[in-house]
Amino acid sequence: METYAIKIHTEFIKLQDLLKFAGAVETGGDAKLIIQEGRVTVNGEVCAMRGRKLRPGDRACIDHDTELLVQ
């Protein structure tokens, strides 16, 4: 599993924005699709909310292959 640390300078980042910012998807539509398909987990639980707020310390995982750590 590949892990990438994503540093934010705000209180939170929305899940769909994190996926775009990290380069995991190209568009918000792509993010919406993989989130709705249940391919994204946040802190170990499947997340279907693309607007979920992630704060430093949260982890998002795509297809159990790529992990994004919010810092």
C-alpha atoms as a PDB file:
ATOM      1  CA  MET A   1       0.000   0.000   0.000  1.00  0.00           C
ATOM      2  CA  GLU A   2       1.291   3.423  -0.938  1.00  0.00           C
ATOM      3  CA  THR A   3       0.881   6.177   1.674  1.00  0.00           C
ATOM      4  CA  TYR A   4       0.959   9.876   0.854  1.00  0.00           C
ATOM      5  CA  ALA A   5       0.970  12.673   3.416  1.00  0.00           C
ATOM      6  CA  ILE A   6      -1.211  15.600   2.368  1.00  0.00           C
ATOM      7  CA  LYS A   7      -0.548  18.783   4.317  1.00  0.00           C
ATOM      8  CA  ILE A   8      -3.440  21.226   4.608  1.00  0.00           C
ATOM      9  CA  HIS A   9      -3.348  24.778   5.905  1.00  0.00           C
ATOM     10  CA  THR A  10      -7.020  24.994   6.833  1.00  0.00           C
ATOM     11  CA  GLU A  11      -9.134  23.456   9.589  1.00  0.00           C
ATOM     12  CA  PHE A  12     -10.462  20.732   7.283  1.00  0.00           C
ATOM     13  CA  ILE A  13     -10.668  19.536   3.680  1.00  0.00           C
ATOM     14  CA  LYS A  14     -13.645  17.838   2.053  1.00  0.00           C
ATOM     15  CA  LEU A  15     -13.105  14.256   0.934  1.00  0.00           C
ATOM     16  CA  GLN A  16     -13.737  14.956  -2.766  1.00  0.00           C
ATOM     17  CA  ASP A  17     -11.317  17.904  -2.643  1.00  0.00           C
ATOM     18  CA  LEU A  18      -8.667  15.764  -0.949  1.00  0.00           C
ATOM     19  CA  LEU A  19      -8.904  13.179  -3.723  1.00  0.00           C
ATOM     20  CA  LYS A  20      -8.532  15.871  -6.384  1.00  0.00           C
ATOM     21  CA  PHE A  21      -5.722  17.712  -4.562  1.00  0.00           C
ATOM     22  CA  ALA A  22      -3.759  14.478  -4.088  1.00  0.00           C
ATOM     23  CA  GLY A  23      -4.107  13.635  -7.786  1.00  0.00           C
ATOM     24  CA  ALA A  24      -6.030  10.423  -7.085  1.00  0.00           C
ATOM     25  CA  VAL A  25      -8.803  11.594  -9.449  1.00  0.00           C
ATOM     26  CA  GLU A  26      -8.919  14.197 -12.190  1.00  0.00           C
ATOM     27  CA  THR A  27     -12.363  15.700 -11.625  1.00  0.00           C
ATOM     28  CA  GLY A  28     -15.003  16.070  -8.964  1.00  0.00           C
ATOM     29  CA  GLY A  29     -17.194  13.752 -11.030  1.00  0.00           C
ATOM     30  CA  ASP A  30     -14.552  11.020 -10.810  1.00  0.00           C
ATOM     31  CA  ALA A  31     -14.349  11.547  -7.045  1.00  0.00           C
ATOM     32  CA  LYS A  32     -18.138  11.337  -6.725  1.00  0.00           C
ATOM     33  CA  LEU A  33     -18.193   8.086  -8.685  1.00  0.00           C
ATOM     34  CA  ILE A  34     -15.547   6.199  -6.705  1.00  0.00           C
ATOM     35  CA  ILE A  35     -16.998   7.428  -3.403  1.00  0.00           C
ATOM     36  CA  GLN A  36     -20.519   6.298  -4.373  1.00  0.00           C
ATOM     37  CA  GLU A  37     -19.149   2.913  -5.470  1.00  0.00           C
ATOM     38  CA  GLY A  38     -17.848   2.369  -1.921  1.00  0.00           C
ATOM     39  CA  ARG A  39     -14.189   2.307  -2.999  1.00  0.00           C
ATOM     40  CA  VAL A  40     -13.096   4.918  -0.446  1.00  0.00           C
ATOM     41  CA  THR A  41     -12.692   4.408   3.286  1.00  0.00           C
ATOM     42  CA  VAL A  42     -12.069   7.077   5.898  1.00  0.00           C
ATOM     43  CA  ASN A  43     -10.388   5.957   9.108  1.00  0.00           C
ATOM     44  CA  GLY A  44     -11.152   2.334   8.212  1.00  0.00           C
ATOM     45  CA  GLU A  45     -14.871   2.731   7.438  1.00  0.00           C
ATOM     46  CA  VAL A  46     -16.503   2.964   4.012  1.00  0.00           C
ATOM     47  CA  CYS A  47     -17.562   6.559   3.417  1.00  0.00           C
ATOM     48  CA  ALA A  48     -20.322   7.533   0.993  1.00  0.00           C
ATOM     49  CA  MET A  49     -20.257  11.267   1.777  1.00  0.00           C
ATOM     50  CA  ARG A  50     -18.111  13.182  -0.692  1.00  0.00           C
ATOM     51  CA  GLY A  51     -18.453  16.319   1.434  1.00  0.00           C
ATOM     52  CA  ARG A  52     -17.134  14.643   4.582  1.00  0.00           C
ATOM     53  CA  LYS A  53     -14.742  16.935   6.418  1.00  0.00           C
ATOM     54  CA  LEU A  54     -11.305  15.475   7.031  1.00  0.00           C
ATOM     55  CA  ARG A  55      -9.023  17.011   9.618  1.00  0.00           C
ATOM     56  CA  PRO A  56      -5.336  16.467  10.385  1.00  0.00           C
ATOM     57  CA  GLY A  57      -4.824  12.891  11.550  1.00  0.00           C
ATOM     58  CA  ASP A  58      -7.606  11.427   9.351  1.00  0.00           C
ATOM     59  CA  ARG A  59      -6.781   8.774   6.767  1.00  0.00           C
ATOM     60  CA  ALA A  60      -8.550   8.103   3.475  1.00  0.00           C
ATOM     61  CA  CYS A  61      -7.865   4.907   1.555  1.00  0.00           C
ATOM     62  CA  ILE A  62      -8.769   4.203  -2.067  1.00  0.00           C
ATOM     63  CA  ASP A  63      -9.330   0.591  -3.158  1.00  0.00           C
ATOM     64  CA  HIS A  64      -7.233  -0.652  -0.183  1.00  0.00           C
ATOM     65  CA  ASP A  65      -4.247   0.381  -2.296  1.00  0.00           C
ATOM     66  CA  THR A  66      -3.529   4.097  -1.838  1.00  0.00           C
ATOM     67  CA  GLU A  67      -3.675   5.799   1.541  1.00  0.00           C
ATOM     68  CA  LEU A  68      -3.876   9.560   2.002  1.00  0.00           C
ATOM     69  CA  LEU A  69      -2.893  10.876   5.430  1.00  0.00           C
ATOM     70  CA  VAL A  70      -4.136  14.390   6.201  1.00  0.00           C
ATOM     71  CA  GLN A  71      -1.596  16.455   8.110  1.00  0.00           C
END
